[in-house]
C-alpha atoms as a PDB file:
ATOM      1  CA  MET A   1      91.946  98.795  76.656  1.00  0.00           C
ATOM      2  CA  PRO A   2      89.020  99.462  79.594  1.00  0.00           C
ATOM      3  CA  VAL A   3      88.294 103.319  80.205  1.00  0.00           C
ATOM      4  CA  ALA A   4      89.978 103.065  83.824  1.00  0.00           C
ATOM      5  CA  ALA A   5      93.141 101.424  82.748  1.00  0.00           C
ATOM      6  CA  GLU A   6      93.399 104.015  80.004  1.00  0.00           C
ATOM      7  CA  SER A   7      92.866 106.963  81.814  1.00  0.00           C
ATOM      8  CA  LEU A   8      95.465 105.557  84.563  1.00  0.00           C
ATOM      9  CA  GLN A   9      97.912 105.283  81.485  1.00  0.00           C
ATOM     10  CA  LYS A  10      97.266 108.940  80.614  1.00  0.00           C
ATOM     11  CA  HIS A  11      97.839 109.984  84.107  1.00  0.00           C
ATOM     12  CA  THR A  12     101.397 108.350  84.426  1.00  0.00           C
ATOM     13  CA  SER A  13     102.784 108.576  80.699  1.00  0.00           C
ATOM     14  CA  ALA A  14     101.895 112.720  81.033  1.00  0.00           C
ATOM     15  CA  GLY A  15     104.030 112.482  84.187  1.00  0.00           C
ATOM     16  CA  LEU A  16     101.243 112.960  86.647  1.00  0.00           C
ATOM     17  CA  THR A  17     100.773 111.137  89.851  1.00  0.00           C
ATOM     18  CA  PRO A  18      98.469 108.216  89.776  1.00  0.00           C
ATOM     19  CA  GLU A  19      95.124 108.278  91.436  1.00  0.00           C
ATOM     20  CA  ARG A  20      95.097 107.308  94.844  1.00  0.00           C
ATOM     21  CA  SER A  21      92.514 105.626  97.185  1.00  0.00           C
ATOM     22  CA  LEU A  22      90.745 107.270  99.906  1.00  0.00           C
ATOM     23  CA  THR A  23      92.480 104.872 102.556  1.00  0.00           C
ATOM     24  CA  GLN A  24      95.965 105.760 100.931  1.00  0.00           C
ATOM     25  CA  ARG A  25      95.339 109.637 100.635  1.00  0.00           C
ATOM     26  CA  MET A  26      94.007 108.947 104.672  1.00  0.00           C
ATOM     27  CA  ASP A  27      97.137 107.055 105.665  1.00  0.00           C
ATOM     28  CA  ALA A  28      99.511 109.531 103.886  1.00  0.00           C
ATOM     29  CA  LEU A  29      97.537 112.542 105.819  1.00  0.00           C
ATOM     30  CA  GLN A  30      97.913 110.623 108.955  1.00  0.00           C
ATOM     31  CA  ARG A  31     101.592 110.124 108.378  1.00  0.00           C
ATOM     32  CA  ALA A  32     101.743 113.901 107.865  1.00  0.00           C
ATOM     33  CA  ASN A  33     100.054 114.999 111.103  1.00  0.00           C
ATOM     34  CA  ASP A  34     101.979 112.695 112.926  1.00  0.00           C
ATOM     35  CA  ILE A  35     105.332 114.106 111.859  1.00  0.00           C
ATOM     36  CA  ARG A  36     104.121 117.692 112.102  1.00  0.00           C
ATOM     37  CA  THR A  37     103.111 116.921 115.785  1.00  0.00           C
ATOM     38  CA  ARG A  38     106.554 115.316 116.634  1.00  0.00           C
ATOM     39  CA  ARG A  39     108.370 118.219 114.663  1.00  0.00           C
ATOM     40  CA  ALA A  40     106.512 120.856 116.860  1.00  0.00           C
ATOM     41  CA  LYS A  41     107.358 119.059 120.046  1.00  0.00           C
ATOM     42  CA  LEU A  42     110.962 118.606 119.092  1.00  0.00           C
ATOM     43  CA  LYS A  43     111.044 122.231 118.241  1.00  0.00           C
ATOM     44  CA  LYS A  44     109.574 123.272 121.832  1.00  0.00           C
ATOM     45  CA  ASP A  45     112.101 121.055 123.331  1.00  0.00           C
ATOM     46  CA  LEU A  46     115.036 122.688 121.476  1.00  0.00           C
ATOM     47  CA  LYS A  47     113.627 126.115 122.622  1.00  0.00           C
ATOM     48  CA  ALA A  48     113.500 124.691 126.044  1.00  0.00           C
ATOM     49  CA  GLY A  49     117.083 123.202 126.048  1.00  0.00           C
ATOM     50  CA  ARG A  50     115.772 120.025 126.644  1.00  0.00           C
ATOM     51  CA  VAL A  51     117.308 118.721 123.534  1.00  0.00           C
ATOM     52  CA  LYS A  52     120.780 119.610 122.061  1.00  0.00           C
ATOM     53  CA  ILE A  53     120.607 120.181 118.332  1.00  0.00           C
ATOM     54  CA  TYR A  54     124.329 118.785 117.931  1.00  0.00           C
ATOM     55  CA  LYS A  55     123.225 115.422 119.273  1.00  0.00           C
ATOM     56  CA  LEU A  56     120.222 115.358 117.302  1.00  0.00           C
ATOM     57  CA  LEU A  57     122.315 116.065 113.956  1.00  0.00           C
ATOM     58  CA  LEU A  58     124.388 113.145 115.145  1.00  0.00           C
ATOM     59  CA  ASP A  59     121.597 110.558 115.089  1.00  0.00           C
ATOM     60  CA  PRO A  60     118.577 112.146 113.612  1.00  0.00           C
ATOM     61  CA  PRO A  61     115.002 110.405 114.140  1.00  0.00           C
ATOM     62  CA  GLU A  62     113.306 109.701 110.878  1.00  0.00           C
ATOM     63  CA  TYR A  63     110.596 112.095 111.159  1.00  0.00           C
ATOM     64  CA  VAL A  64     113.372 115.098 111.145  1.00  0.00           C
ATOM     65  CA  LEU A  65     115.159 113.582 107.928  1.00  0.00           C
ATOM     66  CA  THR A  66     113.213 115.356 105.440  1.00  0.00           C
ATOM     67  CA  MET A  67     113.136 118.988 107.542  1.00  0.00           C
ATOM     68  CA  LYS A  68     115.071 121.618 106.571  1.00  0.00           C
ATOM     69  CA  VAL A  69     118.185 122.538 108.474  1.00  0.00           C
ATOM     70  CA  VAL A  70     117.107 126.190 108.693  1.00  0.00           C
ATOM     71  CA  ASP A  71     113.985 125.348 110.808  1.00  0.00           C
ATOM     72  CA  LEU A  72     116.070 123.358 113.216  1.00  0.00           C
ATOM     73  CA  LEU A  73     118.657 126.000 113.788  1.00  0.00           C
ATOM     74  CA  LEU A  74     115.694 128.774 114.040  1.00  0.00           C
ATOM     75  CA  ALA A  75     114.197 126.590 116.970  1.00  0.00           C
ATOM     76  CA  VAL A  76     117.476 126.950 119.095  1.00  0.00           C
ATOM     77  CA  PRO A  77     117.674 129.537 121.653  1.00  0.00           C
ATOM     78  CA  LYS A  78     119.823 132.767 120.582  1.00  0.00           C
ATOM     79  CA  TYR A  79     119.767 131.674 116.756  1.00  0.00           C
ATOM     80  CA  GLY A  80     117.920 134.070 114.426  1.00  0.00           C
ATOM     81  CA  ARG A  81     117.861 134.349 110.771  1.00  0.00           C
ATOM     82  CA  VAL A  82     121.096 136.338 110.768  1.00  0.00           C
ATOM     83  CA  LYS A  83     123.044 134.462 113.085  1.00  0.00           C
ATOM     84  CA  ALA A  84     121.718 131.243 111.072  1.00  0.00           C
ATOM     85  CA  GLN A  85     122.776 132.316 107.872  1.00  0.00           C
ATOM     86  CA  ARG A  86     126.609 133.031 109.253  1.00  0.00           C
ATOM     87  CA  VAL A  87     126.558 129.577 110.325  1.00  0.00           C
ATOM     88  CA  PHE A  88     125.507 128.186 106.796  1.00  0.00           C
ATOM     89  CA  THR A  89     127.837 130.570 104.956  1.00  0.00           C
ATOM     90  CA  HIS A  90     130.487 129.595 107.374  1.00  0.00           C
ATOM     91  CA  CYS A  91     130.152 125.469 106.992  1.00  0.00           C
ATOM     92  CA  ARG A  92     129.234 126.023 103.448  1.00  0.00           C
ATOM     93  CA  ILE A  93     125.499 124.686 103.579  1.00  0.00           C
ATOM     94  CA  SER A  94     122.285 126.060 101.605  1.00  0.00           C
ATOM     95  CA  PRO A  95     119.901 127.239 103.697  1.00  0.00           C
ATOM     96  CA  SER A  96     117.283 124.869 101.681  1.00  0.00           C
ATOM     97  CA  LYS A  97     119.195 122.026 102.659  1.00  0.00           C
ATOM     98  CA  THR A  98     117.228 119.093 104.580  1.00  0.00           C
ATOM     99  CA  ILE A  99     119.032 116.920 107.555  1.00  0.00           C
ATOM    100  CA  SER A 100     119.277 113.985 105.210  1.00  0.00           C
ATOM    101  CA  GLY A 101     120.769 116.321 102.483  1.00  0.00           C
ATOM    102  CA  LEU A 102     123.808 117.081 105.018  1.00  0.00           C
ATOM    103  CA  SER A 103     127.097 115.690 103.567  1.00  0.00           C
ATOM    104  CA  GLU A 104     129.142 114.307 106.233  1.00  0.00           C
ATOM    105  CA  ARG A 105     131.470 117.443 106.091  1.00  0.00           C
ATOM    106  CA  GLN A 106     128.585 119.745 106.345  1.00  0.00           C
ATOM    107  CA  ARG A 107     127.248 117.580 109.297  1.00  0.00           C
ATOM    108  CA  ASN A 108     130.545 117.713 111.099  1.00  0.00           C
ATOM    109  CA  GLU A 109     131.430 121.220 110.468  1.00  0.00           C
ATOM    110  CA  LEU A 110     127.649 121.952 111.542  1.00  0.00           C
ATOM    111  CA  ILE A 111     128.235 120.029 114.642  1.00  0.00           C
ATOM    112  CA  GLU A 112     131.389 121.600 115.756  1.00  0.00           C
ATOM    113  CA  VAL A 113     130.023 125.100 115.127  1.00  0.00           C
ATOM    114  CA  LEU A 114     126.864 124.511 117.487  1.00  0.00           C
ATOM    115  CA  ARG A 115     128.862 122.947 120.254  1.00  0.00           C
ATOM    116  CA  ARG A 116     130.231 126.234 120.761  1.00  0.00           C
END
C-alpha cells in the first residue's frame, strides 16, 4: 500500500477526518464567511423590525437552518436572555436547539408565542 493511502486509511479508521485540499478548505471558508455575513445582516434586520421572526421561522432560508434558536431570538427587540428562557420553557425547547432541529410542534408553539 502506498504511504499516502496508508496515512489516509489511518486517519479515517481512527475516526479522524481525511485531509482536505487547499481548494476544499478555501471553498469551505468562503461558504462559512458568506453564512456569517448573511446571518449578521439578518440579525440587524430583525433588530430594526424589517424582518419578523415568526415569518422567518415559517420558511427559514438555508443559511439559517443551522443557527441556534436562541441567537435568532436574542436579535429580536425586547427579547433578552430571561425572556428568551421563558419562551423556551413555555414551548419546551432546549436553548441549544437549531432552527432545523425544531419539531413541528415546537416551531408552531414558538411562532404562536412570538406573534403576540
